Amino acid sequence: MARFLLDPTGERTIIERVRLPRPATLVGQTIGLLDISKPRGNVFLDRLEQHLVELGAGVRRYSKPTFTKPAPVDLRHEIATQCTLVIEALAD
């Protein structure tokens, strides 16, 4: 069965990205939860954080200043250096 990963960015040229292997467990992982600042994204992330902590993960929360632009470079660097996994909220 073929599986496809859809990239929601506005790139005109398709860039092939290799999926990284999933961790065997979430215990001990530091998961960054990125709120892109759309309405109710924080509600989804609140519930997700609760579940991840129950599974043994550490959680760090981040927010973009606005959903209309990519995350600032310094925010992306902070997430990359502090987290082993990232989940982004896209709820309305």
C-alpha atoms as a PDB file:
ATOM      1  CA  MET A   1       0.000   0.000   0.000  1.00  0.00           C
ATOM      2  CA  ALA A   2       1.494   3.350  -1.040  1.00  0.00           C
ATOM      3  CA  ARG A   3       1.571   6.097   1.568  1.00  0.00           C
ATOM      4  CA  PHE A   4       1.877   9.739   0.721  1.00  0.00           C
ATOM      5  CA  LEU A   5       2.799  12.702   2.866  1.00  0.00           C
ATOM      6  CA  LEU A   6       1.165  15.920   1.693  1.00  0.00           C
ATOM      7  CA  ASP A   7       3.105  19.128   2.271  1.00  0.00           C
ATOM      8  CA  PRO A   8       0.746  22.088   2.809  1.00  0.00           C
ATOM      9  CA  THR A   9       3.368  24.720   1.956  1.00  0.00           C
ATOM     10  CA  GLY A  10       3.161  26.780  -1.208  1.00  0.00           C
ATOM     11  CA  GLU A  11       6.263  25.348  -2.838  1.00  0.00           C
ATOM     12  CA  ARG A  12       6.132  25.282  -6.639  1.00  0.00           C
ATOM     13  CA  THR A  13       8.738  22.553  -6.964  1.00  0.00           C
ATOM     14  CA  ILE A  14       8.150  19.211  -5.291  1.00  0.00           C
ATOM     15  CA  ILE A  15      10.942  18.399  -2.861  1.00  0.00           C
ATOM     16  CA  GLU A  16      11.331  14.783  -1.890  1.00  0.00           C
ATOM     17  CA  ARG A  17      11.655  14.451   1.866  1.00  0.00           C
ATOM     18  CA  VAL A  18      12.627  11.243   3.586  1.00  0.00           C
ATOM     19  CA  ARG A  19      10.587  10.340   6.649  1.00  0.00           C
ATOM     20  CA  LEU A  20      12.595   9.912   9.803  1.00  0.00           C
ATOM     21  CA  PRO A  21      12.032   6.702  11.764  1.00  0.00           C
ATOM     22  CA  ARG A  22       9.478   6.925  14.562  1.00  0.00           C
ATOM     23  CA  PRO A  23      10.806   6.509  18.097  1.00  0.00           C
ATOM     24  CA  ALA A  24      10.056   3.173  19.743  1.00  0.00           C
ATOM     25  CA  THR A  25       8.612   4.967  22.782  1.00  0.00           C
ATOM     26  CA  LEU A  26       7.656   8.469  23.878  1.00  0.00           C
ATOM     27  CA  VAL A  27       9.151   7.947  27.337  1.00  0.00           C
ATOM     28  CA  GLY A  28      11.960  10.444  27.800  1.00  0.00           C
ATOM     29  CA  GLN A  29      11.247  12.321  24.558  1.00  0.00           C
ATOM     30  CA  THR A  30      10.873  16.108  24.676  1.00  0.00           C
ATOM     31  CA  ILE A  31       7.984  17.002  22.422  1.00  0.00           C
ATOM     32  CA  GLY A  32       7.514  20.562  21.213  1.00  0.00           C
ATOM     33  CA  LEU A  33       3.919  21.608  20.658  1.00  0.00           C
ATOM     34  CA  LEU A  34       3.766  24.510  18.206  1.00  0.00           C
ATOM     35  CA  ASP A  35       0.601  26.592  18.252  1.00  0.00           C
ATOM     36  CA  ILE A  36       0.381  28.441  14.941  1.00  0.00           C
ATOM     37  CA  SER A  37      -2.029  30.952  16.536  1.00  0.00           C
ATOM     38  CA  LYS A  38      -5.213  29.894  14.782  1.00  0.00           C
ATOM     39  CA  PRO A  39      -8.431  29.832  16.825  1.00  0.00           C
ATOM     40  CA  ARG A  40      -8.801  26.804  19.133  1.00  0.00           C
ATOM     41  CA  GLY A  41      -5.399  25.326  18.261  1.00  0.00           C
ATOM     42  CA  ASN A  42      -4.480  25.751  21.923  1.00  0.00           C
ATOM     43  CA  VAL A  43      -7.509  23.669  22.956  1.00  0.00           C
ATOM     44  CA  PHE A  44      -6.282  20.775  20.830  1.00  0.00           C
ATOM     45  CA  LEU A  45      -2.726  21.162  22.145  1.00  0.00           C
ATOM     46  CA  ASP A  46      -3.920  21.257  25.780  1.00  0.00           C
ATOM     47  CA  ARG A  47      -5.546  17.845  25.371  1.00  0.00           C
ATOM     48  CA  LEU A  48      -2.610  16.488  23.418  1.00  0.00           C
ATOM     49  CA  GLU A  49      -0.150  17.675  26.079  1.00  0.00           C
ATOM     50  CA  GLN A  50      -2.165  15.890  28.763  1.00  0.00           C
ATOM     51  CA  HIS A  51      -2.058  12.639  26.798  1.00  0.00           C
ATOM     52  CA  LEU A  52       1.653  12.891  25.973  1.00  0.00           C
ATOM     53  CA  VAL A  53       2.585  13.506  29.614  1.00  0.00           C
ATOM     54  CA  GLU A  54       0.566  10.424  30.609  1.00  0.00           C
ATOM     55  CA  LEU A  55       2.664   8.457  28.097  1.00  0.00           C
ATOM     56  CA  GLY A  56       5.896   9.626  29.744  1.00  0.00           C
ATOM     57  CA  ALA A  57       6.957  12.430  27.418  1.00  0.00           C
ATOM     58  CA  GLY A  58       8.150  15.870  28.411  1.00  0.00           C
ATOM     59  CA  VAL A  59       6.330  18.711  26.666  1.00  0.00           C
ATOM     60  CA  ARG A  60       7.407  22.234  25.759  1.00  0.00           C
ATOM     61  CA  ARG A  61       4.931  24.746  24.333  1.00  0.00           C
ATOM     62  CA  TYR A  62       5.654  27.312  21.618  1.00  0.00           C
ATOM     63  CA  SER A  63       3.543  29.828  19.678  1.00  0.00           C
ATOM     64  CA  LYS A  64       4.000  31.554  16.350  1.00  0.00           C
ATOM     65  CA  PRO A  65       3.212  35.274  16.403  1.00  0.00           C
ATOM     66  CA  THR A  66       0.759  34.803  13.507  1.00  0.00           C
ATOM     67  CA  PHE A  67      -0.516  31.925  11.394  1.00  0.00           C
ATOM     68  CA  THR A  68      -0.086  33.916   8.185  1.00  0.00           C
ATOM     69  CA  LYS A  69       3.721  33.674   8.105  1.00  0.00           C
ATOM     70  CA  PRO A  70       6.324  30.970   8.737  1.00  0.00           C
ATOM     71  CA  ALA A  71       7.710  30.701  12.260  1.00  0.00           C
ATOM     72  CA  PRO A  72      10.582  33.128  12.869  1.00  0.00           C
ATOM     73  CA  VAL A  73      14.087  31.693  12.512  1.00  0.00           C
ATOM     74  CA  ASP A  74      14.884  32.157  16.210  1.00  0.00           C
ATOM     75  CA  LEU A  75      11.737  30.258  17.213  1.00  0.00           C
ATOM     76  CA  ARG A  76      12.558  27.402  14.826  1.00  0.00           C
ATOM     77  CA  HIS A  77      16.095  27.266  16.219  1.00  0.00           C
ATOM     78  CA  GLU A  78      14.789  27.209  19.803  1.00  0.00           C
ATOM     79  CA  ILE A  79      12.443  24.313  19.009  1.00  0.00           C
ATOM     80  CA  ALA A  80      15.149  22.393  17.120  1.00  0.00           C
ATOM     81  CA  THR A  81      17.621  22.665  19.989  1.00  0.00           C
ATOM     82  CA  GLN A  82      15.186  21.929  22.824  1.00  0.00           C
ATOM     83  CA  CYS A  83      12.971  19.165  21.405  1.00  0.00           C
ATOM     84  CA  THR A  84      13.351  15.682  19.966  1.00  0.00           C
ATOM     85  CA  LEU A  85       9.908  15.689  18.296  1.00  0.00           C
ATOM     86  CA  VAL A  86       7.462  18.426  17.198  1.00  0.00           C
ATOM     87  CA  ILE A  87       3.695  18.544  16.715  1.00  0.00           C
ATOM     88  CA  GLU A  88       2.055  21.543  15.072  1.00  0.00           C
ATOM     89  CA  ALA A  89      -1.612  22.502  15.720  1.00  0.00           C
ATOM     90  CA  LEU A  90      -3.655  23.417  12.661  1.00  0.00           C
ATOM     91  CA  ALA A  91      -7.120  23.654  14.204  1.00  0.00           C
ATOM     92  CA  ASP A  92      -9.802  26.294  13.585  1.00  0.00           C
END
